[in-house]
Amino acid sequence: MVNLVIIGAGDIARRRHIPGIRKAEHGRLFGFCSRNLERTRELAAQYGVKCYGSAEEIWADPSADAVLISTPPASHEALAVKALEAGKHVLLEKPMTLREEAAERIREASRRFGGKLMMLHVQRFYGPHRKAKELLEQGEIGRLLSCRTFLGNGNMHRTGGLPPSWQDTLFDVGIHRIDLMRYLAGAEAERVFCHRSSLLGLRGAGEEAPAEDHVIGIFQYENGAVGTLISSRCSCGEDRSTELFGTEGKIVTYRDGHGLILEKRNGERAFFDFPDGLDQKELELTDIHEQFCRCIEEDTEPPVTAEDGLASVRLAAALERSDREKRWVEL
């Protein structure tokens, strides 16, 4: 049984990570640590687990096997490296960091100290996406030609308010589908192009330029497939479908009331629905926490590695550079 301590007590920790760990067969919620000691104490008392006053207390506790880092990404490098150095395994929220160099240092620490580091790129574990990967590998739509993916929410549109600066549309929202497209394509991107917009024109306090709220990215993959990403903070309604087009058919997820639709070139159609499929406003619970604990107990490679986390940050950074320099960026 893996004893897991959650670092960070925000909304995602409460809605996704606490229930995810508690349903894991090979993991146990062991404690909490956050900057807000009062909140930490409340959560620890609520779940009957340990309260850590600082990260250093976790590093010094031999009973704490692993940490789940659910803090803003600027803090990820220091926490992940220290955890690995202390002999703890790490389950790390996306994005790995906001800068490629910092992500590389985390990757190197996981190699140097030997602990497991797994990324919380949870969208790979959603039922429709797992099924899409399975159908692709079975050759159901032939050779993959192109993919289009959309992920957006309407928070800024509804509230007229800005999220924290680190929750930007590219690194916070788009990173989900940057990883998903790389996973589904089964190949690395050779070059990317990006255009970022401020459709609502909202400005943060003291900011001269409005915040970007809409991102369009184009990916040219090594296997010849082309991917298009649209990530938005001003969407209205359901905005999370993915379309995969091959030489023999297409796959569509989260469309027309179905988790996945397979349509073959000959006109045959198959519909797949999933019992845990929820409205986009709800967080879907997956077995990602269980998978992390199992890779520790069985001493196997994590399903989503430090290399995967670094690759997503590298792609997001390349998209950012493309938008800034108004050109294709080679990888």
C-alpha atoms as a PDB file:
ATOM      1  CA  MET A   1       0.000   0.000   0.000  1.00  0.00           C
ATOM      2  CA  VAL A   2       1.441   3.376  -1.078  1.00  0.00           C
ATOM      3  CA  ASN A   3       1.070   6.234   1.434  1.00  0.00           C
ATOM      4  CA  LEU A   4       0.334   9.405  -0.565  1.00  0.00           C
ATOM      5  CA  VAL A   5       0.533  12.985   0.725  1.00  0.00           C
ATOM      6  CA  ILE A   6      -1.214  15.739  -1.231  1.00  0.00           C
ATOM      7  CA  ILE A   7       0.705  19.016  -1.445  1.00  0.00           C
ATOM      8  CA  GLY A   8      -1.760  21.786  -2.261  1.00  0.00           C
ATOM      9  CA  ALA A   9      -5.345  21.961  -1.061  1.00  0.00           C
ATOM     10  CA  GLY A  10      -7.090  23.738  -3.895  1.00  0.00           C
ATOM     11  CA  ASP A  11     -10.221  22.922  -5.878  1.00  0.00           C
ATOM     12  CA  ILE A  12      -8.645  20.216  -8.067  1.00  0.00           C
ATOM     13  CA  ALA A  13      -7.184  18.448  -5.040  1.00  0.00           C
ATOM     14  CA  ARG A  14     -10.588  18.361  -3.387  1.00  0.00           C
ATOM     15  CA  ARG A  15     -12.648  17.383  -6.435  1.00  0.00           C
ATOM     16  CA  ARG A  16     -10.287  15.001  -8.247  1.00  0.00           C
ATOM     17  CA  HIS A  17      -7.333  13.877  -6.185  1.00  0.00           C
ATOM     18  CA  ILE A  18      -8.896  13.142  -2.812  1.00  0.00           C
ATOM     19  CA  PRO A  19     -11.659  10.904  -4.256  1.00  0.00           C
ATOM     20  CA  GLY A  20      -9.211   9.411  -6.776  1.00  0.00           C
ATOM     21  CA  ILE A  21      -6.748   8.325  -4.100  1.00  0.00           C
ATOM     22  CA  ARG A  22      -9.474   7.095  -1.785  1.00  0.00           C
ATOM     23  CA  LYS A  23     -10.804   4.695  -4.421  1.00  0.00           C
ATOM     24  CA  ALA A  24      -7.335   3.364  -5.329  1.00  0.00           C
ATOM     25  CA  GLU A  25      -6.780  -0.234  -4.255  1.00  0.00           C
ATOM     26  CA  HIS A  26      -3.010   0.147  -3.926  1.00  0.00           C
ATOM     27  CA  GLY A  27      -2.889   3.681  -2.518  1.00  0.00           C
ATOM     28  CA  ARG A  28      -3.872   5.385   0.698  1.00  0.00           C
ATOM     29  CA  LEU A  29      -4.501   9.057   1.450  1.00  0.00           C
ATOM     30  CA  PHE A  30      -1.866   9.649   4.123  1.00  0.00           C
ATOM     31  CA  GLY A  31      -1.743  13.402   4.672  1.00  0.00           C
ATOM     32  CA  PHE A  32      -1.996  16.988   3.478  1.00  0.00           C
ATOM     33  CA  CYS A  33       0.367  19.934   3.208  1.00  0.00           C
ATOM     34  CA  SER A  34      -0.384  23.440   1.930  1.00  0.00           C
ATOM     35  CA  ARG A  35       0.522  27.083   2.516  1.00  0.00           C
ATOM     36  CA  ASN A  36      -2.739  27.525   4.424  1.00  0.00           C
ATOM     37  CA  LEU A  37      -2.111  25.623   7.661  1.00  0.00           C
ATOM     38  CA  GLU A  38      -5.669  26.143   8.894  1.00  0.00           C
ATOM     39  CA  ARG A  39      -7.108  24.592   5.726  1.00  0.00           C
ATOM     40  CA  THR A  40      -4.583  21.764   5.956  1.00  0.00           C
ATOM     41  CA  ARG A  41      -5.628  20.996   9.516  1.00  0.00           C
ATOM     42  CA  GLU A  42      -9.302  21.011   8.549  1.00  0.00           C
ATOM     43  CA  LEU A  43      -8.747  18.559   5.677  1.00  0.00           C
ATOM     44  CA  ALA A  44      -6.534  16.317   7.778  1.00  0.00           C
ATOM     45  CA  ALA A  45      -9.173  16.192  10.516  1.00  0.00           C
ATOM     46  CA  GLN A  46     -11.956  15.595   7.990  1.00  0.00           C
ATOM     47  CA  TYR A  47     -10.222  12.564   6.479  1.00  0.00           C
ATOM     48  CA  GLY A  48      -8.403  11.339   9.571  1.00  0.00           C
ATOM     49  CA  VAL A  49      -4.914  11.726   8.101  1.00  0.00           C
ATOM     50  CA  LYS A  50      -1.680  13.551   8.948  1.00  0.00           C
ATOM     51  CA  CYS A  51      -1.236  17.310   8.780  1.00  0.00           C
ATOM     52  CA  TYR A  52       2.198  18.491   7.655  1.00  0.00           C
ATOM     53  CA  GLY A  53       3.202  22.040   8.489  1.00  0.00           C
ATOM     54  CA  SER A  54       5.842  22.150   5.748  1.00  0.00           C
ATOM     55  CA  ALA A  55       7.194  20.119   2.860  1.00  0.00           C
ATOM     56  CA  GLU A  56      10.337  19.470   4.902  1.00  0.00           C
ATOM     57  CA  GLU A  57       8.228  17.510   7.387  1.00  0.00           C
ATOM     58  CA  ILE A  58       7.129  15.213   4.540  1.00  0.00           C
ATOM     59  CA  TRP A  59      10.705  14.673   3.327  1.00  0.00           C
ATOM     60  CA  ALA A  60      11.698  13.680   6.867  1.00  0.00           C
ATOM     61  CA  ASP A  61       8.815  11.230   7.352  1.00  0.00           C
ATOM     62  CA  PRO A  62       9.823   7.677   6.345  1.00  0.00           C
ATOM     63  CA  SER A  63       6.159   6.603   6.372  1.00  0.00           C
ATOM     64  CA  ALA A  64       5.277   8.981   3.504  1.00  0.00           C
ATOM     65  CA  ASP A  65       6.021   7.048   0.307  1.00  0.00           C
ATOM     66  CA  ALA A  66       4.914   9.541  -2.322  1.00  0.00           C
ATOM     67  CA  VAL A  67       3.572  13.041  -2.879  1.00  0.00           C
ATOM     68  CA  LEU A  68       0.950  14.387  -5.244  1.00  0.00           C
ATOM     69  CA  ILE A  69       1.968  17.940  -6.133  1.00  0.00           C
ATOM     70  CA  SER A  70      -1.138  20.000  -6.882  1.00  0.00           C
ATOM     71  CA  THR A  71       0.255  23.526  -6.565  1.00  0.00           C
ATOM     72  CA  PRO A  72       0.768  26.326  -9.138  1.00  0.00           C
ATOM     73  CA  PRO A  73       3.345  25.258 -11.761  1.00  0.00           C
ATOM     74  CA  ALA A  74       5.973  27.822 -10.740  1.00  0.00           C
ATOM     75  CA  SER A  75       6.464  25.772  -7.554  1.00  0.00           C
ATOM     76  CA  HIS A  76       6.683  22.379  -9.280  1.00  0.00           C
ATOM     77  CA  GLU A  77      10.417  22.285  -9.901  1.00  0.00           C
ATOM     78  CA  ALA A  78      11.519  22.984  -6.325  1.00  0.00           C
ATOM     79  CA  LEU A  79       8.959  20.618  -4.794  1.00  0.00           C
ATOM     80  CA  ALA A  80       9.455  17.751  -7.250  1.00  0.00           C
ATOM     81  CA  VAL A  81      13.267  17.861  -7.096  1.00  0.00           C
ATOM     82  CA  LYS A  82      13.293  18.005  -3.284  1.00  0.00           C
ATOM     83  CA  ALA A  83      10.778  15.161  -3.064  1.00  0.00           C
ATOM     84  CA  LEU A  84      12.821  12.945  -5.374  1.00  0.00           C
ATOM     85  CA  GLU A  85      16.005  13.829  -3.526  1.00  0.00           C
ATOM     86  CA  ALA A  86      14.298  12.772  -0.276  1.00  0.00           C
ATOM     87  CA  GLY A  87      13.432   9.380  -1.780  1.00  0.00           C
ATOM     88  CA  LYS A  88       9.737  10.098  -2.408  1.00  0.00           C
ATOM     89  CA  HIS A  89       7.857   9.181  -5.554  1.00  0.00           C
ATOM     90  CA  VAL A  90       6.041  12.038  -7.306  1.00  0.00           C
ATOM     91  CA  LEU A  91       2.664  12.363  -9.024  1.00  0.00           C
ATOM     92  CA  LEU A  92       2.808  15.822 -10.621  1.00  0.00           C
ATOM     93  CA  GLU A  93      -0.008  18.037 -11.862  1.00  0.00           C
ATOM     94  CA  LYS A  94       0.090  19.470 -15.362  1.00  0.00           C
ATOM     95  CA  PRO A  95       1.791  21.422 -16.727  1.00  0.00           C
ATOM     96  CA  MET A  96       5.092  20.007 -15.526  1.00  0.00           C
ATOM     97  CA  THR A  97       6.364  23.610 -15.375  1.00  0.00           C
ATOM     98  CA  LEU A  98       5.969  26.797 -17.378  1.00  0.00           C
ATOM     99  CA  ARG A  99       9.518  26.683 -18.771  1.00  0.00           C
ATOM    100  CA  GLU A 100      11.324  23.969 -20.691  1.00  0.00           C
ATOM    101  CA  GLU A 101      14.583  24.339 -18.732  1.00  0.00           C
ATOM    102  CA  ALA A 102      12.807  23.758 -15.421  1.00  0.00           C
ATOM    103  CA  ALA A 103      11.013  20.708 -16.845  1.00  0.00           C
ATOM    104  CA  GLU A 104      14.363  19.311 -17.965  1.00  0.00           C
ATOM    105  CA  ARG A 105      15.741  19.683 -14.427  1.00  0.00           C
ATOM    106  CA  ILE A 106      12.772  17.737 -13.023  1.00  0.00           C
ATOM    107  CA  ARG A 107      13.316  15.007 -15.620  1.00  0.00           C
ATOM    108  CA  GLU A 108      17.001  14.812 -14.712  1.00  0.00           C
ATOM    109  CA  ALA A 109      16.198  14.606 -10.989  1.00  0.00           C
ATOM    110  CA  SER A 110      13.891  11.649 -11.614  1.00  0.00           C
ATOM    111  CA  ARG A 111      16.757   9.914 -13.418  1.00  0.00           C
ATOM    112  CA  ARG A 112      19.386  10.841 -10.830  1.00  0.00           C
ATOM    113  CA  PHE A 113      17.491   9.859  -7.690  1.00  0.00           C
ATOM    114  CA  GLY A 114      15.570   6.915  -9.155  1.00  0.00           C
ATOM    115  CA  GLY A 115      12.099   7.702  -7.818  1.00  0.00           C
ATOM    116  CA  LYS A 116       8.989   7.279  -9.936  1.00  0.00           C
ATOM    117  CA  LEU A 117       7.723  10.518 -11.469  1.00  0.00           C
ATOM    118  CA  MET A 118       4.351  10.375 -13.202  1.00  0.00           C
ATOM    119  CA  MET A 119       2.499  13.230 -14.838  1.00  0.00           C
ATOM    120  CA  LEU A 120      -1.188  13.916 -14.219  1.00  0.00           C
ATOM    121  CA  HIS A 121      -2.069  14.195 -17.901  1.00  0.00           C
ATOM    122  CA  VAL A 122      -5.416  12.725 -16.977  1.00  0.00           C
ATOM    123  CA  GLN A 123      -7.152  13.071 -20.344  1.00  0.00           C
ATOM    124  CA  ARG A 124      -5.307  10.014 -21.640  1.00  0.00           C
ATOM    125  CA  PHE A 125      -7.301   8.007 -19.089  1.00  0.00           C
ATOM    126  CA  TYR A 126     -10.796   9.156 -20.114  1.00  0.00           C
ATOM    127  CA  GLY A 127     -12.832   6.285 -21.539  1.00  0.00           C
ATOM    128  CA  PRO A 128     -13.415   7.770 -25.023  1.00  0.00           C
ATOM    129  CA  HIS A 129      -9.741   8.671 -25.408  1.00  0.00           C
ATOM    130  CA  ARG A 130      -8.580   5.220 -24.329  1.00  0.00           C
ATOM    131  CA  LYS A 131     -10.983   3.679 -26.824  1.00  0.00           C
ATOM    132  CA  ALA A 132      -9.791   6.019 -29.577  1.00  0.00           C
ATOM    133  CA  LYS A 133      -6.197   4.934 -28.958  1.00  0.00           C
ATOM    134  CA  GLU A 134      -7.244   1.279 -29.057  1.00  0.00           C
ATOM    135  CA  LEU A 135      -9.106   1.722 -32.371  1.00  0.00           C
ATOM    136  CA  LEU A 136      -6.164   3.584 -33.889  1.00  0.00           C
ATOM    137  CA  GLU A 137      -3.743   0.832 -32.896  1.00  0.00           C
ATOM    138  CA  GLN A 138      -6.121  -1.783 -34.343  1.00  0.00           C
ATOM    139  CA  GLY A 139      -6.065   0.054 -37.676  1.00  0.00           C
ATOM    140  CA  GLU A 140      -9.813   0.690 -37.670  1.00  0.00           C
ATOM    141  CA  ILE A 141      -9.437   3.952 -39.615  1.00  0.00           C
ATOM    142  CA  GLY A 142      -6.280   3.010 -41.488  1.00  0.00           C
ATOM    143  CA  ARG A 143      -3.338   5.382 -41.460  1.00  0.00           C
ATOM    144  CA  LEU A 144      -3.914   8.540 -39.411  1.00  0.00           C
ATOM    145  CA  LEU A 145      -3.986  11.609 -41.652  1.00  0.00           C
ATOM    146  CA  SER A 146      -5.152  14.416 -39.398  1.00  0.00           C
ATOM    147  CA  CYS A 147      -6.646  15.180 -36.009  1.00  0.00           C
ATOM    148  CA  ARG A 148      -8.575  18.127 -34.644  1.00  0.00           C
ATOM    149  CA  THR A 149      -9.157  18.696 -30.957  1.00  0.00           C
ATOM    150  CA  PHE A 150     -11.118  21.307 -29.040  1.00  0.00           C
ATOM    151  CA  LEU A 151     -11.034  22.113 -25.326  1.00  0.00           C
ATOM    152  CA  GLY A 152     -12.590  25.192 -23.859  1.00  0.00           C
ATOM    153  CA  ASN A 153     -14.614  26.583 -21.014  1.00  0.00           C
ATOM    154  CA  GLY A 154     -16.706  29.692 -20.617  1.00  0.00           C
ATOM    155  CA  ASN A 155     -15.490  30.905 -17.243  1.00  0.00           C
ATOM    156  CA  MET A 156     -14.184  34.249 -18.480  1.00  0.00           C
ATOM    157  CA  HIS A 157     -17.239  34.728 -20.672  1.00  0.00           C
ATOM    158  CA  ARG A 158     -19.642  33.997 -17.800  1.00  0.00           C
ATOM    159  CA  THR A 159     -17.926  35.877 -14.981  1.00  0.00           C
ATOM    160  CA  GLY A 160     -16.090  38.613 -16.836  1.00  0.00           C
ATOM    161  CA  GLY A 161     -13.140  37.876 -14.538  1.00  0.00           C
ATOM    162  CA  LEU A 162      -9.606  36.680 -15.139  1.00  0.00           C
ATOM    163  CA  PRO A 163      -8.108  33.532 -13.637  1.00  0.00           C
ATOM    164  CA  PRO A 164      -4.650  33.701 -11.995  1.00  0.00           C
ATOM    165  CA  SER A 165      -1.949  34.563 -14.531  1.00  0.00           C
ATOM    166  CA  TRP A 166      -0.473  31.033 -14.433  1.00  0.00           C
ATOM    167  CA  GLN A 167      -3.812  29.586 -15.532  1.00  0.00           C
ATOM    168  CA  ASP A 168      -3.397  30.815 -19.083  1.00  0.00           C
ATOM    169  CA  THR A 169      -5.211  29.338 -22.051  1.00  0.00           C
ATOM    170  CA  LEU A 170      -2.148  27.656 -23.530  1.00  0.00           C
ATOM    171  CA  PHE A 171      -0.330  26.123 -20.551  1.00  0.00           C
ATOM    172  CA  ASP A 172      -3.322  25.476 -18.296  1.00  0.00           C
ATOM    173  CA  VAL A 173      -6.082  24.481 -20.753  1.00  0.00           C
ATOM    174  CA  GLY A 174      -4.293  23.666 -24.004  1.00  0.00           C
ATOM    175  CA  ILE A 175      -1.632  21.496 -22.338  1.00  0.00           C
ATOM    176  CA  HIS A 176      -4.303  18.823 -21.799  1.00  0.00           C
ATOM    177  CA  ARG A 177      -4.804  18.364 -25.531  1.00  0.00           C
ATOM    178  CA  ILE A 178      -1.182  18.976 -26.491  1.00  0.00           C
ATOM    179  CA  ASP A 179      -0.402  15.794 -24.559  1.00  0.00           C
ATOM    180  CA  LEU A 180      -3.504  13.971 -25.796  1.00  0.00           C
ATOM    181  CA  MET A 181      -2.759  14.634 -29.479  1.00  0.00           C
ATOM    182  CA  ARG A 182       0.856  13.507 -29.082  1.00  0.00           C
ATOM    183  CA  TYR A 183      -0.414  10.342 -27.369  1.00  0.00           C
ATOM    184  CA  LEU A 184      -3.021   9.589 -30.040  1.00  0.00           C
ATOM    185  CA  ALA A 185      -0.761  10.464 -32.975  1.00  0.00           C
ATOM    186  CA  GLY A 186       1.935   8.177 -31.564  1.00  0.00           C
ATOM    187  CA  ALA A 187       4.615  10.484 -32.909  1.00  0.00           C
ATOM    188  CA  GLU A 188       6.613  13.589 -32.058  1.00  0.00           C
ATOM    189  CA  ALA A 189       5.865  16.937 -33.688  1.00  0.00           C
ATOM    190  CA  GLU A 190       8.449  18.230 -36.170  1.00  0.00           C
ATOM    191  CA  ARG A 191       7.189  21.802 -36.235  1.00  0.00           C
ATOM    192  CA  VAL A 192       4.334  23.925 -34.900  1.00  0.00           C
ATOM    193  CA  PHE A 193       2.489  27.148 -35.651  1.00  0.00           C
ATOM    194  CA  CYS A 194       0.350  29.154 -33.237  1.00  0.00           C
ATOM    195  CA  HIS A 195      -1.951  32.155 -33.095  1.00  0.00           C
ATOM    196  CA  ARG A 196      -3.212  33.495 -29.753  1.00  0.00           C
ATOM    197  CA  SER A 197      -6.056  35.986 -29.400  1.00  0.00           C
ATOM    198  CA  SER A 198      -7.862  38.073 -26.823  1.00  0.00           C
ATOM    199  CA  LEU A 199     -11.452  37.759 -27.970  1.00  0.00           C
ATOM    200  CA  LEU A 200     -13.053  39.183 -24.831  1.00  0.00           C
ATOM    201  CA  GLY A 201     -10.435  41.894 -24.303  1.00  0.00           C
ATOM    202  CA  LEU A 202     -10.270  41.488 -20.509  1.00  0.00           C
ATOM    203  CA  ARG A 203      -7.323  43.027 -18.667  1.00  0.00           C
ATOM    204  CA  GLY A 204      -5.836  42.100 -15.330  1.00  0.00           C
ATOM    205  CA  ALA A 205      -5.053  44.713 -12.698  1.00  0.00           C
ATOM    206  CA  GLY A 206      -2.130  46.823 -13.901  1.00  0.00           C
ATOM    207  CA  GLU A 207      -1.907  44.992 -17.230  1.00  0.00           C
ATOM    208  CA  GLU A 208      -1.585  47.062 -20.388  1.00  0.00           C
ATOM    209  CA  ALA A 209      -2.506  44.269 -22.806  1.00  0.00           C
ATOM    210  CA  PRO A 210      -5.651  42.154 -22.586  1.00  0.00           C
ATOM    211  CA  ALA A 211      -5.263  38.529 -21.525  1.00  0.00           C
ATOM    212  CA  GLU A 212      -5.152  35.897 -24.239  1.00  0.00           C
ATOM    213  CA  ASP A 213      -8.236  33.714 -24.097  1.00  0.00           C
ATOM    214  CA  HIS A 214      -8.161  31.765 -27.385  1.00  0.00           C
ATOM    215  CA  VAL A 215      -5.354  29.657 -28.874  1.00  0.00           C
ATOM    216  CA  ILE A 216      -5.086  27.941 -32.248  1.00  0.00           C
ATOM    217  CA  GLY A 217      -2.148  25.576 -32.788  1.00  0.00           C
ATOM    218  CA  ILE A 218      -1.064  23.492 -35.776  1.00  0.00           C
ATOM    219  CA  PHE A 219       1.252  20.473 -35.426  1.00  0.00           C
ATOM    220  CA  GLN A 220       3.137  18.624 -38.150  1.00  0.00           C
ATOM    221  CA  TYR A 221       4.033  15.164 -36.808  1.00  0.00           C
ATOM    222  CA  GLU A 222       6.937  12.961 -37.863  1.00  0.00           C
ATOM    223  CA  ASN A 223       4.557  10.279 -39.175  1.00  0.00           C
ATOM    224  CA  GLY A 224       2.986  12.744 -41.620  1.00  0.00           C
ATOM    225  CA  ALA A 225      -0.192  13.446 -39.637  1.00  0.00           C
ATOM    226  CA  VAL A 226      -1.305  17.034 -39.100  1.00  0.00           C
ATOM    227  CA  GLY A 227      -2.990  18.143 -35.865  1.00  0.00           C
ATOM    228  CA  THR A 228      -5.046  21.224 -35.066  1.00  0.00           C
ATOM    229  CA  LEU A 229      -5.724  22.415 -31.522  1.00  0.00           C
ATOM    230  CA  ILE A 230      -8.245  25.015 -30.397  1.00  0.00           C
ATOM    231  CA  SER A 231      -8.063  25.929 -26.717  1.00  0.00           C
ATOM    232  CA  SER A 232     -10.354  28.604 -25.299  1.00  0.00           C
ATOM    233  CA  ARG A 233     -11.487  30.304 -22.107  1.00  0.00           C
ATOM    234  CA  CYS A 234     -14.483  31.930 -23.739  1.00  0.00           C
ATOM    235  CA  SER A 235     -16.391  28.933 -25.084  1.00  0.00           C
ATOM    236  CA  CYS A 236     -20.095  28.459 -24.595  1.00  0.00           C
ATOM    237  CA  GLY A 237     -21.471  24.998 -23.879  1.00  0.00           C
ATOM    238  CA  GLU A 238     -19.746  21.681 -24.589  1.00  0.00           C
ATOM    239  CA  ASP A 239     -16.336  22.231 -26.179  1.00  0.00           C
ATOM    240  CA  ARG A 240     -14.177  19.117 -25.826  1.00  0.00           C
ATOM    241  CA  SER A 241     -14.493  16.950 -28.916  1.00  0.00           C
ATOM    242  CA  THR A 242     -11.644  15.321 -30.835  1.00  0.00           C
ATOM    243  CA  GLU A 243     -11.824  14.181 -34.475  1.00  0.00           C
ATOM    244  CA  LEU A 244      -9.361  11.708 -35.974  1.00  0.00           C
ATOM    245  CA  PHE A 245      -9.351  11.186 -39.737  1.00  0.00           C
ATOM    246  CA  GLY A 246      -7.656   8.216 -41.385  1.00  0.00           C
ATOM    247  CA  THR A 247      -7.422   6.627 -44.809  1.00  0.00           C
ATOM    248  CA  GLU A 248     -10.292   4.238 -43.947  1.00  0.00           C
ATOM    249  CA  GLY A 249     -12.586   6.226 -41.665  1.00  0.00           C
ATOM    250  CA  LYS A 250     -12.849   8.610 -38.752  1.00  0.00           C
ATOM    251  CA  ILE A 251     -13.212   8.652 -34.956  1.00  0.00           C
ATOM    252  CA  VAL A 252     -15.079  11.384 -33.094  1.00  0.00           C
ATOM    253  CA  THR A 253     -15.222  11.725 -29.292  1.00  0.00           C
ATOM    254  CA  TYR A 254     -17.730  13.610 -27.117  1.00  0.00           C
ATOM    255  CA  ARG A 255     -20.145  14.373 -29.932  1.00  0.00           C
ATOM    256  CA  ASP A 256     -23.912  13.987 -30.478  1.00  0.00           C
ATOM    257  CA  GLY A 257     -24.511  12.483 -27.055  1.00  0.00           C
ATOM    258  CA  HIS A 258     -21.963   9.674 -27.462  1.00  0.00           C
ATOM    259  CA  GLY A 259     -18.560   9.122 -25.910  1.00  0.00           C
ATOM    260  CA  LEU A 260     -17.133   7.946 -29.229  1.00  0.00           C
ATOM    261  CA  ILE A 261     -18.383   7.413 -32.773  1.00  0.00           C
ATOM    262  CA  LEU A 262     -16.506   5.270 -35.288  1.00  0.00           C
ATOM    263  CA  GLU A 263     -17.422   5.795 -38.943  1.00  0.00           C
ATOM    264  CA  LYS A 264     -15.839   3.645 -41.642  1.00  0.00           C
ATOM    265  CA  ARG A 265     -15.305   4.626 -45.266  1.00  0.00           C
ATOM    266  CA  ASN A 266     -17.916   2.035 -46.329  1.00  0.00           C
ATOM    267  CA  GLY A 267     -20.586   3.843 -44.293  1.00  0.00           C
ATOM    268  CA  GLU A 268     -20.626   1.528 -41.263  1.00  0.00           C
ATOM    269  CA  ARG A 269     -20.990   3.333 -37.940  1.00  0.00           C
ATOM    270  CA  ALA A 270     -20.442   2.168 -34.362  1.00  0.00           C
ATOM    271  CA  PHE A 271     -21.337   4.064 -31.177  1.00  0.00           C
ATOM    272  CA  PHE A 272     -19.546   3.684 -27.845  1.00  0.00           C
ATOM    273  CA  ASP A 273     -20.858   5.055 -24.569  1.00  0.00           C
ATOM    274  CA  PHE A 274     -19.148   5.018 -21.198  1.00  0.00           C
ATOM    275  CA  PRO A 275     -20.754   4.752 -17.756  1.00  0.00           C
ATOM    276  CA  ASP A 276     -18.524   7.435 -16.247  1.00  0.00           C
ATOM    277  CA  GLY A 277     -19.137   9.951 -19.028  1.00  0.00           C
ATOM    278  CA  LEU A 278     -20.114  13.253 -17.431  1.00  0.00           C
ATOM    279  CA  ASP A 279     -21.093  16.740 -18.431  1.00  0.00           C
ATOM    280  CA  GLN A 280     -18.022  18.843 -19.184  1.00  0.00           C
ATOM    281  CA  LYS A 281     -18.603  20.901 -16.026  1.00  0.00           C
ATOM    282  CA  GLU A 282     -17.945  17.778 -13.938  1.00  0.00           C
ATOM    283  CA  LEU A 283     -14.501  16.309 -13.351  1.00  0.00           C
ATOM    284  CA  GLU A 284     -14.248  12.729 -14.563  1.00  0.00           C
ATOM    285  CA  LEU A 285     -12.599  10.393 -12.082  1.00  0.00           C
ATOM    286  CA  THR A 286     -10.193   7.894 -13.626  1.00  0.00           C
ATOM    287  CA  ASP A 287      -7.811   5.238 -12.337  1.00  0.00           C
ATOM    288  CA  ILE A 288      -4.741   7.454 -12.775  1.00  0.00           C
ATOM    289  CA  HIS A 289      -3.986   7.448  -9.026  1.00  0.00           C
ATOM    290  CA  GLU A 290      -4.260   3.659  -8.923  1.00  0.00           C
ATOM    291  CA  GLN A 291      -1.960   3.379 -11.948  1.00  0.00           C
ATOM    292  CA  PHE A 292       0.635   5.519 -10.160  1.00  0.00           C
ATOM    293  CA  CYS A 293       0.507   3.403  -7.011  1.00  0.00           C
ATOM    294  CA  ARG A 294       0.720   0.184  -8.996  1.00  0.00           C
ATOM    295  CA  CYS A 295       3.834   1.290 -10.874  1.00  0.00           C
ATOM    296  CA  ILE A 296       5.498   1.949  -7.490  1.00  0.00           C
ATOM    297  CA  GLU A 297       4.515  -1.399  -6.001  1.00  0.00           C
ATOM    298  CA  GLU A 298       5.380  -3.347  -9.166  1.00  0.00           C
ATOM    299  CA  ASP A 299       8.477  -1.242  -9.976  1.00  0.00           C
ATOM    300  CA  THR A 300       7.380  -0.551 -13.544  1.00  0.00           C
ATOM    301  CA  GLU A 301       7.574   2.565 -15.698  1.00  0.00           C
ATOM    302  CA  PRO A 302       4.787   5.092 -15.024  1.00  0.00           C
ATOM    303  CA  PRO A 303       2.096   5.237 -17.728  1.00  0.00           C
ATOM    304  CA  VAL A 304       2.824   8.963 -18.224  1.00  0.00           C
ATOM    305  CA  THR A 305       6.512   9.636 -17.731  1.00  0.00           C
ATOM    306  CA  ALA A 306       8.719  12.625 -17.019  1.00  0.00           C
ATOM    307  CA  GLU A 307       9.631  12.518 -20.718  1.00  0.00           C
ATOM    308  CA  ASP A 308       5.939  12.944 -21.571  1.00  0.00           C
ATOM    309  CA  GLY A 309       5.664  15.920 -19.225  1.00  0.00           C
ATOM    310  CA  LEU A 310       8.761  17.525 -20.721  1.00  0.00           C
ATOM    311  CA  ALA A 311       7.526  16.906 -24.284  1.00  0.00           C
ATOM    312  CA  SER A 312       4.249  18.728 -23.560  1.00  0.00           C
ATOM    313  CA  VAL A 313       6.035  21.719 -22.028  1.00  0.00           C
ATOM    314  CA  ARG A 314       8.432  21.795 -24.971  1.00  0.00           C
ATOM    315  CA  LEU A 315       5.506  21.864 -27.406  1.00  0.00           C
ATOM    316  CA  ALA A 316       3.667  24.570 -25.452  1.00  0.00           C
ATOM    317  CA  ALA A 317       6.843  26.671 -25.334  1.00  0.00           C
ATOM    318  CA  ALA A 318       7.283  26.234 -29.091  1.00  0.00           C
ATOM    319  CA  LEU A 319       3.681  27.344 -29.679  1.00  0.00           C
ATOM    320  CA  GLU A 320       4.290  30.375 -27.468  1.00  0.00           C
ATOM    321  CA  ARG A 321       7.398  31.239 -29.472  1.00  0.00           C
ATOM    322  CA  SER A 322       5.567  30.749 -32.769  1.00  0.00           C
ATOM    323  CA  ASP A 323       2.876  33.225 -31.749  1.00  0.00           C
ATOM    324  CA  ARG A 324       5.462  35.720 -30.534  1.00  0.00           C
ATOM    325  CA  GLU A 325       7.623  35.497 -33.664  1.00  0.00           C
ATOM    326  CA  LYS A 326       4.745  34.907 -36.126  1.00  0.00           C
ATOM    327  CA  ARG A 327       6.356  31.922 -37.827  1.00  0.00           C
ATOM    328  CA  TRP A 328       6.609  28.134 -37.870  1.00  0.00           C
ATOM    329  CA  VAL A 329       8.905  26.799 -35.152  1.00  0.00           C
ATOM    330  CA  GLU A 330      10.969  23.673 -35.756  1.00  0.00           C
ATOM    331  CA  LEU A 331      11.463  21.143 -32.982  1.00  0.00           C
END
